[in-house]
PDB file of N, CA and C in Angstrom:
ATOM      1  N   MET A   1      -2.933 -11.774  -0.503  1.00  0.00           N
ATOM      2  CA  MET A   1      -3.368 -10.844  -0.913  1.00  0.00           C
ATOM      3  C   MET A   1      -4.148  -9.779   0.103  1.00  0.00           C
ATOM      4  N   ASN A   2      -3.259  -9.067   0.802  1.00  0.00           N
ATOM      5  CA  ASN A   2      -4.006  -7.975   1.783  1.00  0.00           C
ATOM      6  C   ASN A   2      -4.545  -6.669   1.818  1.00  0.00           C
ATOM      7  N   THR A   3      -4.986  -6.011   2.214  1.00  0.00           N
ATOM      8  CA  THR A   3      -6.099  -5.173   2.217  1.00  0.00           C
ATOM      9  C   THR A   3      -5.460  -3.804   1.468  1.00  0.00           C
ATOM     10  N   ASP A   4      -4.198  -3.884   2.168  1.00  0.00           N
ATOM     11  CA  ASP A   4      -3.122  -2.390   1.537  1.00  0.00           C
ATOM     12  C   ASP A   4      -3.287  -2.585  -0.154  1.00  0.00           C
ATOM     13  N   GLN A   5      -2.709  -3.752  -0.650  1.00  0.00           N
ATOM     14  CA  GLN A   5      -2.962  -4.053  -2.354  1.00  0.00           C
ATOM     15  C   GLN A   5      -4.325  -4.124  -2.979  1.00  0.00           C
ATOM     16  N   ILE A   6      -5.038  -4.453  -2.334  1.00  0.00           N
ATOM     17  CA  ILE A   6      -6.613  -4.596  -2.748  1.00  0.00           C
ATOM     18  C   ILE A   6      -7.002  -2.864  -2.445  1.00  0.00           C
ATOM     19  N   HIS A   7      -7.157  -2.069  -1.812  1.00  0.00           N
ATOM     20  CA  HIS A   7      -6.793  -0.379  -1.931  1.00  0.00           C
ATOM     21  C   HIS A   7      -6.026  -0.034  -2.915  1.00  0.00           C
ATOM     22  N   GLY A   8      -4.533  -0.523  -3.233  1.00  0.00           N
ATOM     23  CA  GLY A   8      -3.781   0.000  -4.209  1.00  0.00           C
ATOM     24  C   GLY A   8      -4.560  -0.513  -5.890  1.00  0.00           C
ATOM     25  N   HIS A   9      -5.166  -1.687  -6.050  1.00  0.00           N
ATOM     26  CA  HIS A   9      -5.578  -2.007  -6.906  1.00  0.00           C
ATOM     27  C   HIS A   9      -6.906  -1.169  -7.486  1.00  0.00           C
ATOM     28  N   TRP A  10      -7.672  -0.862  -6.714  1.00  0.00           N
ATOM     29  CA  TRP A  10      -8.811  -0.523  -6.321  1.00  0.00           C
ATOM     30  C   TRP A  10      -8.416   0.980  -7.344  1.00  0.00           C
ATOM     31  N   ARG A  11      -7.604   1.949  -6.607  1.00  0.00           N
ATOM     32  CA  ARG A  11      -7.169   2.801  -6.638  1.00  0.00           C
ATOM     33  C   ARG A  11      -6.618   3.036  -7.994  1.00  0.00           C
ATOM     34  N   GLU A  12      -5.835   2.461  -8.557  1.00  0.00           N
ATOM     35  CA  GLU A  12      -5.532   2.041  -9.899  1.00  0.00           C
ATOM     36  C   GLU A  12      -6.528   2.068 -10.873  1.00  0.00           C
ATOM     37  N   MET A  13      -7.621   1.405 -10.320  1.00  0.00           N
ATOM     38  CA  MET A  13      -9.097   1.183 -11.641  1.00  0.00           C
ATOM     39  C   MET A  13     -10.070   2.195 -11.367  1.00  0.00           C
ATOM     40  N   LYS A  14     -10.034   2.989 -10.498  1.00  0.00           N
ATOM     41  CA  LYS A  14     -10.650   4.142 -10.350  1.00  0.00           C
ATOM     42  C   LYS A  14      -9.591   5.686 -11.215  1.00  0.00           C
ATOM     43  N   GLY A  15      -8.286   5.403 -11.092  1.00  0.00           N
ATOM     44  CA  GLY A  15      -7.958   6.618 -12.265  1.00  0.00           C
ATOM     45  C   GLY A  15      -7.818   5.937 -13.348  1.00  0.00           C
ATOM     46  N   TRP A  16      -8.056   4.827 -13.436  1.00  0.00           N
ATOM     47  CA  TRP A  16      -8.272   4.488 -15.258  1.00  0.00           C
ATOM     48  C   TRP A  16      -9.445   4.954 -15.779  1.00  0.00           C
ATOM     49  N   ALA A  17     -10.773   4.509 -14.926  1.00  0.00           N
ATOM     50  CA  ALA A  17     -11.598   4.755 -15.074  1.00  0.00           C
ATOM     51  C   ALA A  17     -11.619   6.630 -15.321  1.00  0.00           C
ATOM     52  N   LEU A  18     -11.287   7.166 -14.912  1.00  0.00           N
ATOM     53  CA  LEU A  18     -10.917   8.855 -14.388  1.00  0.00           C
ATOM     54  C   LEU A  18     -10.273   9.351 -16.003  1.00  0.00           C
ATOM     55  N   GLU A  19      -9.391   8.450 -16.223  1.00  0.00           N
ATOM     56  CA  GLU A  19      -8.798   8.987 -17.408  1.00  0.00           C
ATOM     57  C   GLU A  19      -9.375   8.599 -18.436  1.00  0.00           C
ATOM     58  N   SER A  20      -9.934   7.372 -18.288  1.00  0.00           N
ATOM     59  CA  SER A  20     -10.820   7.300 -19.567  1.00  0.00           C
ATOM     60  C   SER A  20     -11.871   8.053 -19.907  1.00  0.00           C
ATOM     61  N   TRP A  21     -12.676   8.934 -18.316  1.00  0.00           N
ATOM     62  CA  TRP A  21     -13.711   9.799 -18.857  1.00  0.00           C
ATOM     63  C   TRP A  21     -12.894  11.071 -19.237  1.00  0.00           C
ATOM     64  N   GLY A  22     -11.523  11.176 -18.842  1.00  0.00           N
ATOM     65  CA  GLY A  22     -11.095  12.442 -19.339  1.00  0.00           C
ATOM     66  C   GLY A  22     -11.531  12.222 -21.226  1.00  0.00           C
ATOM     67  N   ARG A  23     -10.689  10.968 -21.618  1.00  0.00           N
ATOM     68  CA  ARG A  23     -10.958  11.115 -23.066  1.00  0.00           C
ATOM     69  C   ARG A  23     -11.706  11.307 -23.644  1.00  0.00           C
ATOM     70  N   VAL A  24     -13.164  10.824 -23.070  1.00  0.00           N
ATOM     71  CA  VAL A  24     -14.310  10.964 -23.591  1.00  0.00           C
ATOM     72  C   VAL A  24     -15.232  12.097 -23.947  1.00  0.00           C
ATOM     73  N   THR A  25     -14.594  13.347 -22.750  1.00  0.00           N
ATOM     74  CA  THR A  25     -15.219  14.722 -22.214  1.00  0.00           C
ATOM     75  C   THR A  25     -14.190  15.497 -22.868  1.00  0.00           C
ATOM     76  N   HIS A  26     -12.961  14.884 -23.733  1.00  0.00           N
ATOM     77  CA  HIS A  26     -11.694  15.886 -23.635  1.00  0.00           C
ATOM     78  C   HIS A  26     -11.493  17.013 -22.599  1.00  0.00           C
ATOM     79  N   ASP A  27     -11.274  16.417 -21.517  1.00  0.00           N
ATOM     80  CA  ASP A  27     -10.521  17.044 -20.132  1.00  0.00           C
ATOM     81  C   ASP A  27      -9.412  16.693 -20.116  1.00  0.00           C
ATOM     82  N   PRO A  28      -8.482  17.777 -20.528  1.00  0.00           N
ATOM     83  CA  PRO A  28      -7.059  17.184 -19.989  1.00  0.00           C
ATOM     84  C   PRO A  28      -6.879  16.980 -18.310  1.00  0.00           C
ATOM     85  N   TRP A  29      -7.380  17.837 -17.526  1.00  0.00           N
ATOM     86  CA  TRP A  29      -7.509  17.997 -16.411  1.00  0.00           C
ATOM     87  C   TRP A  29      -7.743  16.233 -15.383  1.00  0.00           C
ATOM     88  N   LYS A  30      -8.977  16.081 -16.172  1.00  0.00           N
ATOM     89  CA  LYS A  30      -9.398  14.709 -15.655  1.00  0.00           C
ATOM     90  C   LYS A  30      -8.565  13.126 -15.814  1.00  0.00           C
ATOM     91  N   ARG A  31      -7.883  13.436 -17.296  1.00  0.00           N
ATOM     92  CA  ARG A  31      -7.024  12.485 -17.736  1.00  0.00           C
ATOM     93  C   ARG A  31      -5.796  12.642 -16.791  1.00  0.00           C
ATOM     94  N   ILE A  32      -5.278  13.974 -16.534  1.00  0.00           N
ATOM     95  CA  ILE A  32      -3.841  13.967 -15.544  1.00  0.00           C
ATOM     96  C   ILE A  32      -4.334  13.490 -14.072  1.00  0.00           C
ATOM     97  N   ALA A  33      -5.661  13.970 -13.760  1.00  0.00           N
ATOM     98  CA  ALA A  33      -6.097  13.524 -12.624  1.00  0.00           C
ATOM     99  C   ALA A  33      -6.281  11.709 -12.446  1.00  0.00           C
ATOM    100  N   GLY A  34      -6.605  11.188 -13.322  1.00  0.00           N
ATOM    101  CA  GLY A  34      -6.776   9.911 -13.922  1.00  0.00           C
ATOM    102  C   GLY A  34      -5.501   9.240 -13.580  1.00  0.00           C
ATOM    103  N   ARG A  35      -4.385   9.603 -14.600  1.00  0.00           N
ATOM    104  CA  ARG A  35      -3.004   8.993 -14.556  1.00  0.00           C
ATOM    105  C   ARG A  35      -2.355   8.988 -13.119  1.00  0.00           C
ATOM    106  N   ARG A  36      -2.697  10.749 -12.409  1.00  0.00           N
ATOM    107  CA  ARG A  36      -1.690  10.245 -11.039  1.00  0.00           C
ATOM    108  C   ARG A  36      -2.544   9.274  -9.952  1.00  0.00           C
ATOM    109  N   GLU A  37      -3.965   9.268 -10.216  1.00  0.00           N
ATOM    110  CA  GLU A  37      -4.586   7.720  -9.281  1.00  0.00           C
ATOM    111  C   GLU A  37      -4.128   6.729  -9.638  1.00  0.00           C
ATOM    112  N   ARG A  38      -3.743   6.169 -10.967  1.00  0.00           N
ATOM    113  CA  ARG A  38      -3.137   5.076 -11.492  1.00  0.00           C
ATOM    114  C   ARG A  38      -1.944   5.190 -10.733  1.00  0.00           C
ATOM    115  N   LEU A  39      -0.987   6.115 -11.288  1.00  0.00           N
ATOM    116  CA  LEU A  39       0.091   5.954 -10.259  1.00  0.00           C
ATOM    117  C   LEU A  39       0.352   5.441  -8.862  1.00  0.00           C
ATOM    118  N   LEU A  40      -0.261   6.458  -8.239  1.00  0.00           N
ATOM    119  CA  LEU A  40      -0.494   6.264  -6.762  1.00  0.00           C
ATOM    120  C   LEU A  40      -1.045   4.821  -6.385  1.00  0.00           C
ATOM    121  N   GLY A  41      -2.302   4.557  -7.298  1.00  0.00           N
ATOM    122  CA  GLY A  41      -2.558   3.090  -7.028  1.00  0.00           C
ATOM    123  C   GLY A  41      -1.586   1.405  -7.412  1.00  0.00           C
ATOM    124  N   GLN A  42      -0.856   2.157  -8.110  1.00  0.00           N
ATOM    125  CA  GLN A  42       0.416   1.207  -8.669  1.00  0.00           C
ATOM    126  C   GLN A  42       1.219   1.308  -7.192  1.00  0.00           C
ATOM    127  N   LEU A  43       1.655   2.543  -7.145  1.00  0.00           N
ATOM    128  CA  LEU A  43       2.433   2.569  -5.807  1.00  0.00           C
ATOM    129  C   LEU A  43       2.184   1.755  -4.387  1.00  0.00           C
ATOM    130  N   GLU A  44       1.248   2.270  -4.263  1.00  0.00           N
ATOM    131  CA  GLU A  44       0.386   1.506  -2.882  1.00  0.00           C
ATOM    132  C   GLU A  44       0.376   0.262  -2.578  1.00  0.00           C
ATOM    133  N   ALA A  45       0.024  -0.667  -4.279  1.00  0.00           N
ATOM    134  CA  ALA A  45      -0.480  -2.307  -4.491  1.00  0.00           C
ATOM    135  C   ALA A  45       1.248  -2.621  -4.147  1.00  0.00           C
ATOM    136  N   SER A  46       2.559  -2.042  -4.833  1.00  0.00           N
ATOM    137  CA  SER A  46       3.876  -2.893  -5.054  1.00  0.00           C
ATOM    138  C   SER A  46       4.413  -2.588  -3.608  1.00  0.00           C
ATOM    139  N   LEU A  47       4.087  -1.283  -2.844  1.00  0.00           N
ATOM    140  CA  LEU A  47       4.532  -1.313  -1.597  1.00  0.00           C
ATOM    141  C   LEU A  47       4.033  -2.265  -0.703  1.00  0.00           C
ATOM    142  N   ALA A  48       3.176  -2.199  -0.368  1.00  0.00           N
ATOM    143  CA  ALA A  48       2.482  -3.468   0.406  1.00  0.00           C
ATOM    144  C   ALA A  48       3.111  -4.934  -0.017  1.00  0.00           C
ATOM    145  N   GLU A  49       3.408  -5.128  -1.134  1.00  0.00           N
ATOM    146  CA  GLU A  49       3.873  -6.409  -1.594  1.00  0.00           C
ATOM    147  C   GLU A  49       5.237  -6.771  -1.372  1.00  0.00           C
ATOM    148  N   SER A  50       5.930  -5.817  -1.315  1.00  0.00           N
ATOM    149  CA  SER A  50       7.399  -5.260  -0.566  1.00  0.00           C
ATOM    150  C   SER A  50       7.073  -5.241   1.143  1.00  0.00           C
ATOM    151  N   ARG A  51       6.339  -4.618   1.725  1.00  0.00           N
ATOM    152  CA  ARG A  51       6.205  -4.899   2.998  1.00  0.00           C
ATOM    153  C   ARG A  51       5.889  -6.208   3.337  1.00  0.00           C
ATOM    154  N   ARG A  52       4.956  -7.018   2.939  1.00  0.00           N
ATOM    155  CA  ARG A  52       4.831  -8.267   2.955  1.00  0.00           C
ATOM    156  C   ARG A  52       5.689  -9.205   2.797  1.00  0.00           C
ATOM    157  N   ILE A  53       6.549  -9.267   1.840  1.00  0.00           N
ATOM    158  CA  ILE A  53       7.835  -9.765   1.880  1.00  0.00           C
ATOM    159  C   ILE A  53       8.882  -9.360   2.701  1.00  0.00           C
ATOM    160  N   ALA A  54       9.206  -8.307   3.162  1.00  0.00           N
ATOM    161  CA  ALA A  54      10.265  -8.269   4.493  1.00  0.00           C
ATOM    162  C   ALA A  54       9.491  -8.618   5.548  1.00  0.00           C
ATOM    163  N   GLU A  55       8.060  -8.322   5.814  1.00  0.00           N
ATOM    164  CA  GLU A  55       7.925  -9.111   7.010  1.00  0.00           C
ATOM    165  C   GLU A  55       7.936 -10.504   6.986  1.00  0.00           C
ATOM    166  N   SER A  56       7.958 -11.182   5.730  1.00  0.00           N
ATOM    167  CA  SER A  56       8.107 -12.522   5.925  1.00  0.00           C
ATOM    168  C   SER A  56       9.485 -13.137   5.595  1.00  0.00           C
ATOM    169  N   ASP A  57      10.506 -12.597   5.249  1.00  0.00           N
ATOM    170  CA  ASP A  57      11.625 -12.361   5.377  1.00  0.00           C
ATOM    171  C   ASP A  57      12.442 -11.970   6.851  1.00  0.00           C
ATOM    172  N   PHE A  58      12.167 -11.437   7.251  1.00  0.00           N
ATOM    173  CA  PHE A  58      12.891 -10.881   8.117  1.00  0.00           C
ATOM    174  C   PHE A  58      11.729 -10.921   9.609  1.00  0.00           C
ATOM    175  N   PRO A  59      11.686 -11.612  10.737  1.00  0.00           N
ATOM    176  CA  PRO A  59      10.898 -11.881  11.379  1.00  0.00           C
ATOM    177  C   PRO A  59      10.936 -10.708  12.490  1.00  0.00           C
ATOM    178  N   ALA A  60       9.930 -10.726  13.621  1.00  0.00           N
ATOM    179  CA  ALA A  60       9.883  -9.416  14.543  1.00  0.00           C
ATOM    180  C   ALA A  60      11.282 -10.170  15.105  1.00  0.00           C
ATOM    181  N   PRO A  61      11.799  -8.790  16.106  1.00  0.00           N
ATOM    182  CA  PRO A  61      12.973  -8.945  16.748  1.00  0.00           C
ATOM    183  C   PRO A  61      12.553 -10.234  18.029  1.00  0.00           C
ATOM    184  N   VAL A  62      13.770 -10.916  18.404  1.00  0.00           N
ATOM    185  CA  VAL A  62      12.887 -11.981  19.633  1.00  0.00           C
ATOM    186  C   VAL A  62      12.659 -11.334  20.846  1.00  0.00           C
ATOM    187  N   ALA A  63      13.088 -10.361  21.289  1.00  0.00           N
ATOM    188  CA  ALA A  63      12.464  -9.596  22.595  1.00  0.00           C
ATOM    189  C   ALA A  63      11.328  -9.130  22.368  1.00  0.00           C
ATOM    190  N   ALA A  64      10.893  -9.050  20.608  1.00  0.00           N
ATOM    191  CA  ALA A  64       9.360  -8.400  20.856  1.00  0.00           C
ATOM    192  C   ALA A  64       8.304  -9.498  20.895  1.00  0.00           C
ATOM    193  N   ARG A  65       9.299 -10.546  20.763  1.00  0.00           N
ATOM    194  CA  ARG A  65       8.067 -11.711  20.423  1.00  0.00           C
ATOM    195  C   ARG A  65       8.038 -12.442  21.726  1.00  0.00           C
ATOM    196  N   MET A  66       9.142 -12.300  22.840  1.00  0.00           N
ATOM    197  CA  MET A  66       8.708 -12.841  24.180  1.00  0.00           C
ATOM    198  C   MET A  66       7.723 -11.912  25.088  1.00  0.00           C
ATOM    199  N   PRO A  67       7.084 -13.115  25.779  1.00  0.00           N
ATOM    200  CA  PRO A  67       6.019 -12.138  26.728  1.00  0.00           C
ATOM    201  C   PRO A  67       7.142 -11.290  27.657  1.00  0.00           C
ATOM    202  N   ASP A  68       5.892 -10.473  28.607  1.00  0.00           N
ATOM    203  CA  ASP A  68       7.196  -8.923  28.826  1.00  0.00           C
ATOM    204  C   ASP A  68       6.941  -9.710  30.399  1.00  0.00           C
ATOM    205  N   ARG A  69       8.521  -9.772  30.435  1.00  0.00           N
ATOM    206  CA  ARG A  69       8.604 -10.420  32.322  1.00  0.00           C
ATOM    207  C   ARG A  69       9.283  -9.818  32.620  1.00  0.00           C
ATOM    208  N   ARG A  70       9.063  -9.433  33.820  1.00  0.00           N
ATOM    209  CA  ARG A  70       9.791  -8.032  34.551  1.00  0.00           C
ATOM    210  C   ARG A  70      10.966  -8.873  35.190  1.00  0.00           C
ATOM    211  N   ARG A  71      11.808  -8.601  35.472  1.00  0.00           N
ATOM    212  CA  ARG A  71      13.474  -9.194  36.070  1.00  0.00           C
ATOM    213  C   ARG A  71      12.887  -8.306  37.239  1.00  0.00           C
ATOM    214  N   PRO A  72      13.287  -9.362  38.372  1.00  0.00           N
ATOM    215  CA  PRO A  72      13.413  -9.199  39.636  1.00  0.00           C
ATOM    216  C   PRO A  72      14.485  -7.904  40.209  1.00  0.00           C
ATOM    217  N   ALA A  73      13.984  -6.917  40.848  1.00  0.00           N
ATOM    218  CA  ALA A  73      15.135  -5.945  41.407  1.00  0.00           C
ATOM    219  C   ALA A  73      16.121  -6.730  41.754  1.00  0.00           C
ATOM    220  N   THR A  74      17.540  -6.007  41.550  1.00  0.00           N
ATOM    221  CA  THR A  74      18.637  -6.673  42.099  1.00  0.00           C
ATOM    222  C   THR A  74      19.277  -5.855  42.866  1.00  0.00           C
ATOM    223  N   ARG A  75      19.476  -5.577  44.315  1.00  0.00           N
ATOM    224  CA  ARG A  75      20.422  -4.583  44.966  1.00  0.00           C
ATOM    225  C   ARG A  75      21.384  -4.819  45.425  1.00  0.00           C
TER     226      ARG A  75
END
């Protein structure tokens, strides 16, 4: 689990709390804001997981992994 996933799960929990508070206070705008936060948290966590899978399945190109060696100039 990386920091993006943790942040996404945290945002999802924050949205859940906000939505619950909207239910208690009968405030529809708080409920809507809570649903939005939950959705954004779920998206952030799933995108972080997708990024992790993509980076593990497709390693960096060979040129990016090689040390920077300059070719001698040919004339």
